[in-house]
Amino acid sequence: MKHRVAGRRLDRTTEHRTAMFRNLVTSLFRHERITTTTPKAKEIKRFADKFITLAKAGTPHARRQANRDVRDVEVLNKLFETLGPRFKSRPGGYTRIIRVGRRAGDAAEMAMIELVERSAPAEAEGSEKGAAGKGKKAKEQKAQKAE
């Protein structure tokens, strides 16, 4: 019987499973959006939410606890300096899972897991500024022609 046993085995050994979850969570924090299979996404949601809660605390002890699983220093700094303050006012639910269809090779159901409050990519910000600037110029030129 499986009473009070949480988590999915995903047909892997314990060591493989924990390493895979650590890598997936680290990638999620680095890129803020990753695509994986639906069961893996559902499982790493638990880990990601736990680490963001630690980052919100921001204490040295919380940093040590997160460092046990998120071993990349860059990602750990991002977690505590950027993501923790970003989710400070949110009481939970830091990630969202969006199903994206089935994988071509084996028809596994795929899902995209992302942080709810994502930062805007640098390229998109630049293109939006450029588009806004072009719109203003066009309006100014029309106004000048009308005069």
C-alpha atoms as a PDB file:
ATOM      1  CA  MET A   1       0.000   0.000   0.000  1.00  0.00           C
ATOM      2  CA  LYS A   2       1.123   3.521  -0.694  1.00  0.00           C
ATOM      3  CA  HIS A   3      -0.234   5.354   2.330  1.00  0.00           C
ATOM      4  CA  ARG A   4       1.384   8.737   3.023  1.00  0.00           C
ATOM      5  CA  VAL A   5       4.061   8.245   0.377  1.00  0.00           C
ATOM      6  CA  ALA A   6       4.365  11.438  -1.643  1.00  0.00           C
ATOM      7  CA  GLY A   7       6.077  12.027  -4.948  1.00  0.00           C
ATOM      8  CA  ARG A   8       6.457  10.252  -8.253  1.00  0.00           C
ATOM      9  CA  ARG A   9       9.132   7.663  -8.943  1.00  0.00           C
ATOM     10  CA  LEU A  10       9.236   8.324 -12.700  1.00  0.00           C
ATOM     11  CA  ASP A  11      10.856   4.905 -13.245  1.00  0.00           C
ATOM     12  CA  ARG A  12      14.262   6.102 -11.983  1.00  0.00           C
ATOM     13  CA  THR A  13      16.547   5.275  -9.097  1.00  0.00           C
ATOM     14  CA  THR A  14      16.502   7.649  -6.125  1.00  0.00           C
ATOM     15  CA  GLU A  15      19.890   9.153  -6.992  1.00  0.00           C
ATOM     16  CA  HIS A  16      18.934   9.716 -10.628  1.00  0.00           C
ATOM     17  CA  ARG A  17      15.588  11.212  -9.660  1.00  0.00           C
ATOM     18  CA  THR A  18      17.013  13.671  -7.118  1.00  0.00           C
ATOM     19  CA  ALA A  19      19.772  14.762  -9.521  1.00  0.00           C
ATOM     20  CA  MET A  20      17.222  15.254 -12.292  1.00  0.00           C
ATOM     21  CA  PHE A  21      14.936  17.352 -10.062  1.00  0.00           C
ATOM     22  CA  ARG A  22      17.872  19.484  -8.909  1.00  0.00           C
ATOM     23  CA  ASN A  23      18.922  20.097 -12.507  1.00  0.00           C
ATOM     24  CA  LEU A  24      15.387  20.898 -13.653  1.00  0.00           C
ATOM     25  CA  VAL A  25      14.785  23.351 -10.797  1.00  0.00           C
ATOM     26  CA  THR A  26      18.132  25.037 -11.439  1.00  0.00           C
ATOM     27  CA  SER A  27      17.247  25.385 -15.127  1.00  0.00           C
ATOM     28  CA  LEU A  28      13.818  26.756 -14.228  1.00  0.00           C
ATOM     29  CA  PHE A  29      15.335  29.464 -12.048  1.00  0.00           C
ATOM     30  CA  ARG A  30      17.983  30.280 -14.660  1.00  0.00           C
ATOM     31  CA  HIS A  31      15.614  30.583 -17.647  1.00  0.00           C
ATOM     32  CA  GLU A  32      12.327  31.237 -15.771  1.00  0.00           C
ATOM     33  CA  ARG A  33      10.557  28.933 -18.266  1.00  0.00           C
ATOM     34  CA  ILE A  34      11.346  25.364 -19.345  1.00  0.00           C
ATOM     35  CA  THR A  35       9.562  22.648 -21.297  1.00  0.00           C
ATOM     36  CA  THR A  36       9.516  19.101 -19.947  1.00  0.00           C
ATOM     37  CA  THR A  37       7.096  16.206 -19.547  1.00  0.00           C
ATOM     38  CA  THR A  38       3.956  16.878 -17.526  1.00  0.00           C
ATOM     39  CA  PRO A  39       4.727  14.510 -14.607  1.00  0.00           C
ATOM     40  CA  LYS A  40       8.216  16.043 -14.219  1.00  0.00           C
ATOM     41  CA  ALA A  41       6.740  19.547 -14.336  1.00  0.00           C
ATOM     42  CA  LYS A  42       4.190  18.680 -11.660  1.00  0.00           C
ATOM     43  CA  GLU A  43       6.928  17.238  -9.482  1.00  0.00           C
ATOM     44  CA  ILE A  44       9.422  20.103  -9.784  1.00  0.00           C
ATOM     45  CA  LYS A  45       6.653  22.594  -9.009  1.00  0.00           C
ATOM     46  CA  ARG A  46       6.850  21.351  -5.412  1.00  0.00           C
ATOM     47  CA  PHE A  47      10.603  21.957  -5.275  1.00  0.00           C
ATOM     48  CA  ALA A  48      10.497  25.358  -6.988  1.00  0.00           C
ATOM     49  CA  ASP A  49       7.805  26.689  -4.672  1.00  0.00           C
ATOM     50  CA  LYS A  50       9.792  25.516  -1.646  1.00  0.00           C
ATOM     51  CA  PHE A  51      12.973  27.267  -2.829  1.00  0.00           C
ATOM     52  CA  ILE A  52      11.184  30.519  -3.615  1.00  0.00           C
ATOM     53  CA  THR A  53       9.696  30.470  -0.122  1.00  0.00           C
ATOM     54  CA  LEU A  54      13.231  30.083   1.260  1.00  0.00           C
ATOM     55  CA  ALA A  55      14.402  32.961  -0.946  1.00  0.00           C
ATOM     56  CA  LYS A  56      11.614  35.151   0.399  1.00  0.00           C
ATOM     57  CA  ALA A  57      12.963  34.588   3.913  1.00  0.00           C
ATOM     58  CA  GLY A  58      16.402  35.667   2.708  1.00  0.00           C
ATOM     59  CA  THR A  59      18.246  34.502   5.821  1.00  0.00           C
ATOM     60  CA  PRO A  60      21.704  32.920   5.698  1.00  0.00           C
ATOM     61  CA  HIS A  61      20.200  29.662   6.964  1.00  0.00           C
ATOM     62  CA  ALA A  62      17.616  29.679   4.149  1.00  0.00           C
ATOM     63  CA  ARG A  63      20.455  30.276   1.659  1.00  0.00           C
ATOM     64  CA  ARG A  64      22.329  27.258   3.051  1.00  0.00           C
ATOM     65  CA  GLN A  65      19.201  25.123   2.801  1.00  0.00           C
ATOM     66  CA  ALA A  66      18.645  26.140  -0.817  1.00  0.00           C
ATOM     67  CA  ASN A  67      22.328  25.582  -1.588  1.00  0.00           C
ATOM     68  CA  ARG A  68      21.896  21.893  -0.778  1.00  0.00           C
ATOM     69  CA  ASP A  69      19.919  21.432  -3.987  1.00  0.00           C
ATOM     70  CA  VAL A  70      20.623  24.505  -6.154  1.00  0.00           C
ATOM     71  CA  ARG A  71      24.390  24.158  -6.460  1.00  0.00           C
ATOM     72  CA  ASP A  72      24.981  26.830  -9.119  1.00  0.00           C
ATOM     73  CA  VAL A  73      26.178  30.053  -7.456  1.00  0.00           C
ATOM     74  CA  GLU A  74      24.788  32.304 -10.218  1.00  0.00           C
ATOM     75  CA  VAL A  75      21.340  30.760  -9.968  1.00  0.00           C
ATOM     76  CA  LEU A  76      21.435  30.833  -6.164  1.00  0.00           C
ATOM     77  CA  ASN A  77      22.288  34.549  -6.218  1.00  0.00           C
ATOM     78  CA  LYS A  78      19.490  35.186  -8.722  1.00  0.00           C
ATOM     79  CA  LEU A  79      17.093  33.233  -6.516  1.00  0.00           C
ATOM     80  CA  PHE A  80      17.871  35.253  -3.387  1.00  0.00           C
ATOM     81  CA  GLU A  81      18.560  38.682  -4.917  1.00  0.00           C
ATOM     82  CA  THR A  82      15.977  38.802  -7.707  1.00  0.00           C
ATOM     83  CA  LEU A  83      13.293  36.134  -7.385  1.00  0.00           C
ATOM     84  CA  GLY A  84      12.826  36.294  -3.603  1.00  0.00           C
ATOM     85  CA  PRO A  85      12.072  40.041  -3.541  1.00  0.00           C
ATOM     86  CA  ARG A  86       9.921  39.711  -6.695  1.00  0.00           C
ATOM     87  CA  PHE A  87       7.578  37.238  -4.968  1.00  0.00           C
ATOM     88  CA  LYS A  88       7.716  38.908  -1.529  1.00  0.00           C
ATOM     89  CA  SER A  89       4.057  39.961  -1.530  1.00  0.00           C
ATOM     90  CA  ARG A  90       2.720  36.748  -3.131  1.00  0.00           C
ATOM     91  CA  PRO A  91       1.532  34.163  -0.563  1.00  0.00           C
ATOM     92  CA  GLY A  92       2.188  31.126  -2.785  1.00  0.00           C
ATOM     93  CA  GLY A  93       1.666  29.705  -6.247  1.00  0.00           C
ATOM     94  CA  TYR A  94       4.889  30.936  -7.811  1.00  0.00           C
ATOM     95  CA  THR A  95       4.843  28.627 -10.840  1.00  0.00           C
ATOM     96  CA  ARG A  96       2.358  27.796 -13.566  1.00  0.00           C
ATOM     97  CA  ILE A  97       2.144  24.661 -15.724  1.00  0.00           C
ATOM     98  CA  ILE A  98       0.853  24.982 -19.280  1.00  0.00           C
ATOM     99  CA  ARG A  99       0.324  21.826 -21.322  1.00  0.00           C
ATOM    100  CA  VAL A 100       1.807  22.127 -24.801  1.00  0.00           C
ATOM    101  CA  GLY A 101       0.833  18.886 -26.526  1.00  0.00           C
ATOM    102  CA  ARG A 102       2.629  15.641 -27.148  1.00  0.00           C
ATOM    103  CA  ARG A 103       6.255  14.957 -28.027  1.00  0.00           C
ATOM    104  CA  ALA A 104       6.812  13.683 -31.564  1.00  0.00           C
ATOM    105  CA  GLY A 105       9.113  10.775 -30.701  1.00  0.00           C
ATOM    106  CA  ASP A 106       7.189   8.912 -28.020  1.00  0.00           C
ATOM    107  CA  ALA A 107       3.920  10.874 -27.671  1.00  0.00           C
ATOM    108  CA  ALA A 108       4.764  11.846 -24.086  1.00  0.00           C
ATOM    109  CA  GLU A 109       2.587  14.687 -22.847  1.00  0.00           C
ATOM    110  CA  MET A 110       4.697  17.846 -22.629  1.00  0.00           C
ATOM    111  CA  ALA A 111       4.215  20.885 -20.431  1.00  0.00           C
ATOM    112  CA  MET A 112       5.834  24.258 -20.039  1.00  0.00           C
ATOM    113  CA  ILE A 113       6.520  25.299 -16.449  1.00  0.00           C
ATOM    114  CA  GLU A 114       7.248  28.953 -15.818  1.00  0.00           C
ATOM    115  CA  LEU A 115       7.453  31.448 -13.007  1.00  0.00           C
ATOM    116  CA  VAL A 116       4.227  33.410 -12.674  1.00  0.00           C
ATOM    117  CA  GLU A 117       5.849  36.859 -12.503  1.00  0.00           C
ATOM    118  CA  ARG A 118       8.505  36.587 -15.195  1.00  0.00           C
ATOM    119  CA  SER A 119      10.940  39.348 -16.012  1.00  0.00           C
ATOM    120  CA  ALA A 120      10.695  40.727 -19.533  1.00  0.00           C
ATOM    121  CA  PRO A 121      13.511  39.487 -21.797  1.00  0.00           C
ATOM    122  CA  ALA A 122      16.090  42.138 -22.756  1.00  0.00           C
ATOM    123  CA  GLU A 123      15.456  41.672 -26.494  1.00  0.00           C
ATOM    124  CA  ALA A 124      11.702  42.138 -26.160  1.00  0.00           C
ATOM    125  CA  GLU A 125      12.192  45.326 -24.117  1.00  0.00           C
ATOM    126  CA  GLY A 126      14.472  46.774 -26.774  1.00  0.00           C
ATOM    127  CA  SER A 127      12.096  45.940 -29.619  1.00  0.00           C
ATOM    128  CA  GLU A 128       9.128  47.396 -27.722  1.00  0.00           C
ATOM    129  CA  LYS A 129      11.022  50.632 -27.112  1.00  0.00           C
ATOM    130  CA  GLY A 130      11.952  50.770 -30.780  1.00  0.00           C
ATOM    131  CA  ALA A 131       8.370  50.196 -31.865  1.00  0.00           C
ATOM    132  CA  ALA A 132       7.104  52.830 -29.448  1.00  0.00           C
ATOM    133  CA  GLY A 133       9.710  55.285 -30.686  1.00  0.00           C
ATOM    134  CA  LYS A 134       8.741  54.681 -34.311  1.00  0.00           C
ATOM    135  CA  GLY A 135       5.086  55.216 -33.467  1.00  0.00           C
ATOM    136  CA  LYS A 136       5.854  58.540 -31.800  1.00  0.00           C
ATOM    137  CA  LYS A 137       7.945  59.686 -34.755  1.00  0.00           C
ATOM    138  CA  ALA A 138       5.192  58.807 -37.186  1.00  0.00           C
ATOM    139  CA  LYS A 139       2.643  60.752 -35.131  1.00  0.00           C
ATOM    140  CA  GLU A 140       4.969  63.753 -34.909  1.00  0.00           C
ATOM    141  CA  GLN A 141       5.538  63.704 -38.681  1.00  0.00           C
ATOM    142  CA  LYS A 142       1.790  63.553 -39.306  1.00  0.00           C
ATOM    143  CA  ALA A 143       1.261  66.472 -36.936  1.00  0.00           C
ATOM    144  CA  GLN A 144       3.937  68.508 -38.739  1.00  0.00           C
ATOM    145  CA  LYS A 145       2.414  67.744 -42.138  1.00  0.00           C
ATOM    146  CA  ALA A 146      -1.011  68.779 -40.879  1.00  0.00           C
ATOM    147  CA  GLU A 147       0.355  72.189 -39.818  1.00  0.00           C
END
